[in-house]
Protein backbone atom coordinates (compact mmCIF):
# COMPACT_ATOMS: atom_id res chain seq x y z
CA MET A 1 -20.50 -46.62 24.47
CA ARG A 2 -17.05 -46.11 22.98
CA ILE A 3 -15.05 -42.93 23.79
CA VAL A 4 -11.70 -41.63 22.56
CA VAL A 5 -9.96 -39.69 25.35
CA ALA A 6 -7.34 -37.36 23.81
CA HIS A 7 -4.74 -35.76 26.07
CA ASN A 8 -1.22 -34.40 25.75
CA ARG A 9 0.39 -35.27 29.12
CA TYR A 10 2.49 -32.64 30.81
CA ARG A 11 6.08 -33.55 31.72
CA GLU A 12 6.29 -35.90 34.62
CA ALA A 13 8.94 -33.66 36.17
CA GLN A 14 6.24 -30.97 36.37
CA PRO A 15 3.52 -32.30 38.71
CA SER A 16 0.20 -31.95 36.94
CA GLY A 17 -3.24 -32.19 38.48
CA GLU A 18 -4.58 -32.34 34.95
CA ASN A 19 -2.69 -35.58 34.22
CA THR A 20 -4.07 -37.05 37.45
CA ILE A 21 -7.64 -36.06 36.66
CA VAL A 22 -7.45 -37.55 33.14
CA ASP A 23 -6.11 -40.87 34.49
CA SER A 24 -8.83 -40.89 37.18
CA GLU A 25 -11.58 -40.09 34.70
CA ILE A 26 -10.47 -42.87 32.39
CA ALA A 27 -10.61 -45.31 35.32
CA GLN A 28 -14.04 -44.09 36.34
CA LEU A 29 -15.42 -44.39 32.81
CA THR A 30 -14.00 -47.91 32.42
CA ALA A 31 -15.49 -48.94 35.77
CA ALA A 32 -18.85 -47.67 34.48
CA GLY A 33 -18.66 -49.99 31.52
CA VAL A 34 -17.54 -47.48 28.91
CA GLU A 35 -14.98 -48.66 26.33
CA VAL A 36 -12.22 -46.02 26.51
CA LEU A 37 -9.73 -45.62 23.70
CA PRO A 38 -6.87 -43.47 25.03
CA PHE A 39 -5.26 -41.18 22.44
CA ILE A 40 -2.39 -40.00 24.64
CA ARG A 41 0.78 -38.18 23.85
CA SER A 42 3.34 -36.91 26.32
CA SER A 43 5.71 -33.96 26.32
CA ASP A 44 8.25 -36.41 27.77
CA GLU A 45 8.42 -37.90 24.28
CA ILE A 46 10.02 -34.81 22.79
CA PRO A 47 13.72 -35.38 23.73
CA SER A 48 13.71 -38.85 22.09
CA MET A 49 12.02 -37.74 18.84
CA SER A 50 13.78 -38.04 15.51
CA LYS A 51 15.30 -34.89 13.97
CA ALA A 52 12.54 -34.87 11.37
CA ALA A 53 9.84 -34.98 14.05
CA LYS A 54 11.61 -32.25 16.12
CA ALA A 55 11.73 -30.08 12.98
CA LEU A 56 7.93 -30.11 12.90
CA LEU A 57 7.53 -29.20 16.58
CA PRO A 58 7.19 -25.45 15.95
CA ILE A 59 3.98 -25.99 13.99
CA SER A 60 2.59 -28.83 16.12
CA PRO A 61 0.37 -26.59 18.24
CA ILE A 62 -1.33 -25.36 15.03
CA TRP A 63 -1.32 -28.60 13.08
CA ALA A 64 0.32 -31.85 14.23
CA PRO A 65 0.30 -33.98 11.08
CA ARG A 66 1.47 -37.24 12.73
CA ALA A 67 -1.25 -36.93 15.40
CA GLN A 68 -3.94 -36.36 12.78
CA GLN A 69 -2.87 -39.39 10.80
CA ASP A 70 -2.83 -41.59 13.94
CA LEU A 71 -6.15 -40.32 15.09
CA GLY A 72 -7.71 -40.78 11.68
CA ARG A 73 -6.70 -44.43 11.70
CA LEU A 74 -8.08 -44.89 15.21
CA LEU A 75 -11.43 -43.34 14.25
CA ASN A 76 -11.68 -45.43 11.07
CA GLU A 77 -10.91 -48.65 12.92
CA HIS A 78 -13.03 -48.20 16.04
CA ARG A 79 -15.77 -45.72 15.04
CA PRO A 80 -16.19 -44.17 18.50
CA ASP A 81 -19.29 -42.29 19.70
CA VAL A 82 -17.42 -39.29 21.04
CA LEU A 83 -13.90 -37.80 21.22
CA HIS A 84 -13.21 -36.22 24.56
CA LEU A 85 -10.31 -33.77 24.42
CA HIS A 86 -8.39 -32.40 27.35
CA ASN A 87 -5.01 -30.71 26.68
CA PRO A 88 -3.96 -30.60 22.99
CA TYR A 89 -0.53 -28.89 23.34
CA PRO A 90 1.94 -29.31 21.92
CA LEU A 91 1.78 -32.75 20.20
CA ILE A 92 -1.87 -33.21 19.46
CA SER A 93 -3.09 -29.76 18.37
CA PRO A 94 -6.63 -28.42 18.37
CA TRP A 95 -6.74 -29.68 14.80
CA VAL A 96 -8.00 -33.02 16.27
CA VAL A 97 -11.41 -31.32 16.57
CA ARG A 98 -11.52 -30.94 12.75
CA THR A 99 -10.18 -34.45 12.26
CA ALA A 100 -12.94 -35.90 14.48
CA HIS A 101 -15.62 -33.87 12.75
CA ARG A 102 -14.36 -35.04 9.34
CA HIS A 103 -15.03 -38.59 10.52
CA GLY A 104 -18.50 -37.72 11.88
CA VAL A 105 -17.43 -37.92 15.54
CA PRO A 106 -18.69 -35.19 17.96
CA VAL A 107 -16.15 -33.58 20.29
CA VAL A 108 -16.33 -32.76 23.99
CA GLN A 109 -13.62 -30.69 25.60
CA THR A 110 -12.96 -30.25 29.28
CA VAL A 111 -11.62 -26.76 29.85
CA HIS A 112 -8.83 -26.92 32.42
CA ASN A 113 -7.48 -23.38 31.86
CA TYR A 114 -7.97 -20.14 29.94
CA ARG A 115 -5.90 -21.04 26.83
CA GLN A 116 -8.68 -20.22 24.37
CA VAL A 117 -7.54 -16.62 25.05
CA CYS A 118 -4.45 -16.56 27.21
CA SER A 119 -1.17 -17.97 25.89
CA SER A 120 0.03 -18.94 29.38
CA GLY A 121 -3.44 -20.28 30.22
CA ILE A 122 -3.71 -18.69 33.65
CA TYR A 123 -4.48 -14.96 33.23
CA PHE A 124 -1.57 -14.09 35.51
CA ARG A 125 1.63 -12.18 34.73
CA ASP A 126 4.30 -10.44 36.80
CA GLY A 127 2.56 -11.21 40.09
CA VAL A 128 -0.93 -9.90 39.15
CA ILE A 129 -3.99 -11.01 37.23
CA CYS A 130 -3.62 -10.07 33.58
CA GLN A 131 -6.27 -10.21 30.87
CA ASP A 132 -4.55 -7.97 28.29
CA CYS A 133 -5.19 -10.45 25.45
CA LYS A 134 -8.95 -10.67 25.91
CA GLY A 135 -10.88 -9.43 22.88
CA ARG A 136 -7.80 -9.23 20.65
CA ALA A 137 -7.55 -10.95 17.31
CA LEU A 138 -3.91 -11.64 18.03
CA GLY A 139 -2.44 -11.81 21.55
CA VAL A 140 0.34 -9.24 21.03
CA PRO A 141 0.76 -8.54 24.69
CA ALA A 142 1.60 -12.24 25.23
CA ILE A 143 4.38 -11.91 22.69
CA LYS A 144 5.67 -8.69 24.15
CA HIS A 145 5.84 -10.12 27.65
CA ARG A 146 7.06 -13.60 26.68
CA CYS A 147 4.06 -15.19 28.44
CA TYR A 148 4.56 -18.69 27.03
CA ARG A 149 7.65 -20.48 28.36
CA ASP A 150 9.41 -17.06 28.80
CA SER A 151 10.12 -17.01 25.03
CA ALA A 152 9.05 -14.41 22.56
CA ALA A 153 9.24 -16.94 19.69
CA GLN A 154 7.17 -19.58 21.48
CA SER A 155 4.73 -16.89 22.70
CA ALA A 156 4.23 -15.73 19.12
CA LEU A 157 3.58 -19.29 18.04
CA MET A 158 1.02 -19.85 20.80
CA ALA A 159 -0.69 -16.49 20.18
CA THR A 160 -0.89 -17.42 16.44
CA THR A 161 -2.25 -20.84 17.33
CA LEU A 162 -5.03 -19.29 19.38
CA ALA A 163 -5.90 -16.91 16.53
CA VAL A 164 -5.87 -19.68 13.90
CA HIS A 165 -8.04 -22.00 16.01
CA ARG A 166 -10.66 -19.51 17.12
CA GLY A 167 -13.10 -21.10 14.68
CA THR A 168 -12.01 -24.59 15.74
CA TRP A 169 -12.77 -23.92 19.35
CA ARG A 170 -16.17 -22.46 18.47
CA SER A 171 -17.06 -25.68 16.55
CA VAL A 172 -16.62 -27.95 19.63
CA ASP A 173 -19.91 -29.75 20.19
CA ARG A 174 -19.99 -29.57 24.00
CA TYR A 175 -17.77 -27.87 26.52
CA ILE A 176 -17.31 -29.13 30.02
CA ALA A 177 -16.82 -26.22 32.26
CA LEU A 178 -15.24 -27.40 35.56
CA THR A 179 -16.87 -24.46 37.48
CA THR A 180 -19.36 -21.68 36.95
CA ALA A 181 -16.40 -19.28 36.46
CA ILE A 182 -15.17 -21.32 33.50
CA ALA A 183 -18.67 -21.34 32.09
CA ASP A 184 -18.64 -17.52 32.25
CA HIS A 185 -15.22 -17.53 30.53
CA LEU A 186 -16.62 -19.65 27.68
CA ARG A 187 -19.67 -17.44 27.25
CA ASP A 188 -17.37 -14.41 27.10
CA TYR A 189 -15.45 -16.24 24.36
CA GLY A 190 -18.66 -16.58 22.34
CA ILE A 191 -19.75 -20.15 23.19
CA PRO A 192 -23.59 -20.40 23.51
CA ASP A 193 -25.14 -21.62 26.75
CA GLU A 194 -26.53 -24.78 25.17
CA ARG A 195 -23.06 -26.06 24.45
CA ILE A 196 -21.74 -25.54 27.98
CA VAL A 197 -22.19 -28.04 30.85
CA VAL A 198 -20.82 -27.40 34.29
CA LYS A 199 -19.28 -30.69 35.51
CA PRO A 200 -16.45 -30.56 38.04
CA ASN A 201 -13.70 -33.12 38.65
CA SER A 202 -13.85 -35.61 41.39
CA VAL A 203 -11.48 -37.41 43.73
CA PRO A 204 -11.83 -40.97 45.14
CA ASP A 205 -13.94 -41.24 48.29
CA PRO A 206 -11.53 -41.53 51.26
CA GLY A 207 -14.32 -42.90 53.44
CA ARG A 208 -15.77 -41.69 56.73
CA PRO A 209 -13.99 -38.48 57.74
CA ALA A 210 -11.67 -38.59 60.73
CA PRO A 211 -12.33 -36.18 63.59
CA LEU A 212 -11.13 -32.65 62.91
CA GLY A 213 -7.51 -31.89 63.75
CA ASP A 214 -6.34 -28.43 64.63
CA GLY A 215 -5.00 -25.52 62.64
CA PHE A 216 -4.69 -25.06 58.93
CA LEU A 217 -3.19 -26.82 55.86
CA TYR A 218 -1.91 -25.12 52.73
CA MET A 219 -1.05 -27.61 50.03
CA ALA A 220 -0.13 -26.31 46.59
CA ARG A 221 2.77 -25.37 44.30
CA LEU A 222 4.92 -22.83 46.13
CA SER A 223 4.71 -20.19 43.46
CA PRO A 224 3.47 -16.56 43.35
CA GLU A 225 0.14 -17.32 41.69
CA LYS A 226 -0.81 -19.90 44.34
CA GLY A 227 -0.52 -17.22 47.10
CA VAL A 228 1.70 -18.81 49.75
CA ASP A 229 3.33 -15.41 50.27
CA LEU A 230 -0.10 -13.87 50.74
CA LEU A 231 -0.90 -16.54 53.35
CA LEU A 232 2.36 -16.06 55.27
CA ASP A 233 1.74 -12.30 55.35
CA ALA A 234 -1.74 -12.90 56.79
CA TRP A 235 -0.45 -15.48 59.28
CA ARG A 236 2.26 -13.08 60.67
CA ARG A 237 -0.51 -10.65 61.66
CA HIS A 238 -1.53 -12.98 64.51
CA PRO A 239 0.56 -13.73 67.60
CA VAL A 240 2.44 -17.03 67.59
CA GLY A 241 0.23 -19.98 68.53
CA THR A 242 -3.14 -18.20 68.54
CA LEU A 243 -4.39 -20.07 65.41
CA GLY A 244 -2.90 -23.49 66.02
CA THR A 245 -0.44 -24.79 63.45
CA LEU A 246 -0.10 -23.75 59.82
CA ARG A 247 1.08 -26.75 57.83
CA VAL A 248 2.55 -26.01 54.34
CA ALA A 249 3.00 -28.81 51.80
CA GLY A 250 4.45 -28.52 48.30
CA ASP A 251 7.50 -27.30 46.51
CA GLY A 252 8.42 -24.59 44.12
CA GLU A 253 10.31 -21.32 43.69
CA LEU A 254 8.98 -19.81 46.96
CA ARG A 255 10.18 -22.71 49.05
CA PRO A 256 12.93 -20.56 50.73
CA LEU A 257 10.15 -18.17 51.89
CA VAL A 258 8.27 -21.03 53.54
CA GLU A 259 11.43 -22.49 55.10
CA ALA A 260 12.27 -19.09 56.56
CA ALA A 261 8.79 -18.77 58.03
CA ALA A 262 8.99 -22.23 59.58
CA ALA A 263 12.40 -21.37 61.10
CA ALA A 264 11.09 -18.13 62.54
CA ARG A 265 7.80 -19.35 64.01
CA PRO A 266 7.08 -22.61 65.81
CA ASP A 267 3.46 -22.50 64.61
CA VAL A 268 4.51 -22.87 60.91
CA LEU A 269 5.47 -26.35 59.82
CA TYR A 270 6.90 -27.06 56.34
CA LEU A 271 6.06 -30.59 55.23
CA GLY A 272 7.73 -30.63 51.81
CA GLN A 273 6.29 -32.54 48.83
CA LEU A 274 3.93 -35.26 50.08
CA ASP A 275 2.91 -38.64 48.63
CA ARG A 276 -0.75 -39.74 48.82
CA ALA A 277 -0.42 -41.13 52.34
CA GLY A 278 1.26 -37.95 53.46
CA VAL A 279 -1.51 -35.82 51.94
CA ARG A 280 -4.20 -37.71 53.77
CA ALA A 281 -2.28 -37.52 57.08
CA ALA A 282 -1.77 -33.78 56.66
CA VAL A 283 -5.52 -33.23 55.85
CA GLU A 284 -6.53 -35.25 58.86
CA ALA A 285 -4.21 -33.40 61.20
CA SER A 286 -5.79 -30.08 60.22
CA ALA A 287 -9.21 -28.50 60.74
CA VAL A 288 -9.32 -26.14 57.75
CA VAL A 289 -7.63 -26.23 54.31
CA ILE A 290 -6.52 -22.91 52.75
CA ALA A 291 -6.60 -22.12 49.01
CA ALA A 292 -4.90 -18.69 48.74
CA SER A 293 -4.65 -18.39 44.96
CA MET A 294 -3.79 -14.99 43.48
CA TRP A 295 -5.08 -15.96 39.98
CA HIS A 296 -8.44 -17.16 38.76
CA ASP A 297 -7.60 -20.73 39.78
CA VAL A 298 -9.85 -23.08 37.78
CA LEU A 299 -10.38 -25.99 40.13
CA PRO A 300 -7.80 -26.64 42.87
CA THR A 301 -8.06 -30.37 43.51
CA VAL A 302 -6.94 -29.88 47.10
CA ILE A 303 -10.29 -28.30 47.80
CA ILE A 304 -12.27 -31.38 46.73
CA GLU A 305 -9.85 -33.52 48.76
CA ALA A 306 -10.56 -31.31 51.75
CA LEU A 307 -14.35 -31.53 51.32
CA ALA A 308 -14.13 -35.31 50.89
CA SER A 309 -12.40 -35.46 54.33
CA GLY A 310 -14.97 -33.17 55.96
CA ARG A 311 -12.61 -30.17 56.10
CA PRO A 312 -14.07 -26.78 55.31
CA VAL A 313 -12.00 -24.49 53.09
CA LEU A 314 -10.92 -20.91 53.41
CA GLY A 315 -10.12 -19.51 50.01
CA THR A 316 -9.70 -16.38 47.92
CA ALA A 317 -12.76 -15.25 45.97
CA LEU A 318 -11.13 -15.96 42.53
CA GLY A 319 -11.79 -18.35 39.72
CA GLY A 320 -13.54 -21.57 40.70
CA ILE A 321 -12.85 -21.34 44.42
CA PRO A 322 -16.28 -19.75 45.35
CA TYR A 323 -18.06 -22.45 43.31
CA LEU A 324 -16.16 -25.20 45.07
CA VAL A 325 -17.04 -24.04 48.56
CA GLY A 326 -20.58 -23.13 47.54
CA ALA A 327 -20.13 -19.42 47.82
CA ASP A 328 -20.98 -18.47 44.17
CA ALA A 329 -24.70 -18.35 44.87
CA PRO A 330 -26.80 -16.48 47.39
CA HIS A 331 -25.55 -17.25 50.86
CA GLU A 332 -26.50 -16.64 54.50
CA PRO A 333 -26.50 -12.95 55.43
CA ALA A 334 -23.91 -11.80 57.99
CA GLY A 335 -24.83 -12.95 61.46
CA THR A 336 -26.58 -16.20 60.43
CA GLY A 337 -23.78 -18.32 58.88
CA PRO A 338 -22.15 -21.38 60.42
CA ALA A 339 -19.33 -19.42 62.00
CA GLU A 340 -21.83 -17.20 63.83
CA THR A 341 -23.87 -20.20 64.76
CA ALA A 342 -20.74 -21.73 66.42
CA SER A 343 -20.29 -18.54 68.39
CA ALA A 344 -23.92 -18.58 69.48
CA VAL A 345 -23.68 -22.24 70.64
CA ALA A 346 -20.65 -21.25 72.72
CA GLY A 347 -22.83 -18.65 74.39
CA GLN A 348 -21.17 -15.68 72.85
CA GLY A 349 -24.10 -14.55 70.73
CA PRO A 350 -24.03 -14.01 66.92
CA ALA A 351 -20.92 -12.22 65.76
CA PRO A 352 -20.96 -10.39 62.41
CA LEU A 353 -18.44 -11.49 59.90
CA PRO A 354 -15.43 -9.26 59.16
CA ALA A 355 -15.81 -7.10 56.05
CA GLY A 356 -15.18 -9.07 52.88
CA VAL A 357 -15.60 -12.53 54.36
CA VAL A 358 -18.38 -14.52 52.63
CA THR A 359 -19.68 -17.79 54.07
CA GLY A 360 -20.48 -20.52 51.64
CA THR A 361 -21.89 -24.02 51.99
CA ALA A 362 -18.54 -25.57 52.87
CA GLY A 363 -16.19 -22.71 53.71
CA TRP A 364 -15.40 -19.03 53.36
CA VAL A 365 -14.01 -16.81 50.62
CA VAL A 366 -12.22 -13.42 50.96
CA PRO A 367 -10.58 -10.92 48.63
CA PRO A 368 -6.94 -11.81 47.81
CA GLU A 369 -5.52 -9.36 50.29
CA PRO A 370 -3.47 -9.98 53.45
CA ALA A 371 -5.73 -8.03 55.78
CA ALA A 372 -8.88 -9.79 54.57
CA LEU A 373 -7.30 -13.24 54.86
CA ALA A 374 -5.88 -12.40 58.30
CA ALA A 375 -9.36 -11.41 59.47
CA ALA A 376 -10.85 -14.60 58.13
CA LEU A 377 -8.38 -17.01 59.78
CA PRO A 378 -9.93 -16.88 63.29
CA VAL A 379 -13.44 -17.01 61.77
CA ALA A 380 -12.50 -20.21 59.94
CA ARG A 381 -10.88 -21.75 63.04
CA ALA A 382 -13.96 -20.98 65.13
CA GLY A 383 -16.42 -22.20 62.49
CA ALA A 384 -14.65 -25.33 61.27
CA ALA A 385 -16.65 -27.81 63.43
CA ALA A 386 -19.93 -26.27 62.33
CA LEU A 387 -19.09 -26.66 58.61
CA SER A 388 -17.37 -30.05 58.74
CA ALA A 389 -20.53 -32.15 58.01
CA ARG A 390 -21.62 -29.66 55.34
CA ALA A 391 -18.21 -29.89 53.65
CA ARG A 392 -18.52 -33.72 53.45
CA LEU A 393 -22.14 -33.42 52.19
CA ARG A 394 -21.11 -31.02 49.43
CA TYR A 395 -18.52 -33.59 48.28
CA GLU A 396 -21.05 -36.41 48.32
CA GLN A 397 -23.64 -34.40 46.35
CA THR A 398 -21.39 -32.63 43.84
CA PHE A 399 -17.84 -34.14 43.62
CA HIS A 400 -18.26 -37.84 44.37
CA PRO A 401 -17.06 -40.05 41.49
CA ASP A 402 -20.45 -41.69 41.11
CA VAL A 403 -22.16 -38.26 40.70
CA VAL A 404 -19.51 -36.81 38.41
CA THR A 405 -19.28 -39.93 36.19
CA LYS A 406 -23.07 -40.01 35.70
CA ARG A 407 -23.02 -36.41 34.68
CA LEU A 408 -20.30 -37.11 32.12
CA LEU A 409 -22.23 -40.06 30.67
CA ASP A 410 -25.25 -37.83 30.31
CA VAL A 411 -23.10 -35.33 28.35
CA TYR A 412 -21.94 -38.10 26.01
CA ALA A 413 -25.47 -39.41 25.55
CA GLY A 414 -26.74 -36.00 24.57
CA LEU A 415 -24.53 -35.76 21.51
CA SER A 416 -25.29 -36.92 17.93
CA PRO A 417 -22.94 -37.88 15.10
CA VAL A 418 -21.62 -34.97 13.08
CA ALA A 419 -23.28 -34.77 9.67
């Protein structure tokens, strides 16, 4: 099998989980015996482009002529079975779908965000969830609010791109929805069920989980949509030391907020930006990982990393988080979940969950509110040991590279050449 993987890499100065996932997926496909032909562009190329190439940048999201020419030559020379598209902006353009179809090559796209509809891609503006552009022929609110790169001109271009390529997106042969929430988003956009496959990302298997540590780990970009301020608000509602240590890893605009919390409370530890070894050490030192997103977060990789290490997750009930922790399907009624079981084992008898706390296979989800998260923190700490093995099992059954790669190969095999 021969697959073209098309992706516009985000700038290296802007850490991107999407870049990491694409690299990992290419490696997994290659290890499975697939011939992968990378069709990769990078936004880091833009500063060194010629004046003529830079002059064409404003139209590149709609139609990138150089990319279409290069892709056409690649398709003619290698005649692949499938083109697998990830991010097309700004140097590849959704037009590659039309180029591939013109050469008889079916197209798969992994949907990493909401940019079929939302110019910023995250359904989040001014500190709250925003879906003002849903159902509109042209995303005028995105232009008004400068949602793309804080520029009215660039927002107008992106909104126009989404309008122009509505038909292009609806012609994609198969969509990979990373979670059930993304599948719902695609259905709402008009994509029929038979062209949607739910297939999450994976992370490498770290091996046998280490014994649980203590306390909690938050590891994400320190920005409003990722909810670190929500978490700190919830944490302050408990006396110092009663929940163990809260470790915070990452960097971003809210870093001063985290540094101030760490200076004020000995049970808050700011770890800064971590390398891979640091991430693993931080996960192993903790008992529960927190995903406090305030937006419909698609698939926070940190959750899969937590499950792989046998750490249950406490998250907000938004986006793909309920799916990741197994809380998007019928779950145990209050009084019978793992947290209550842990209480019963300790001889305390079953304890009902606080209002709004839902127990999933591998963790808990709550509304994105400080009071709800504060109420869930002691539940998660008490129930971590009971959910640890289930967290690891969910990783092995759903997110392990072997499982995910097989699912992807099945998607490819189910496609036929475009007539």
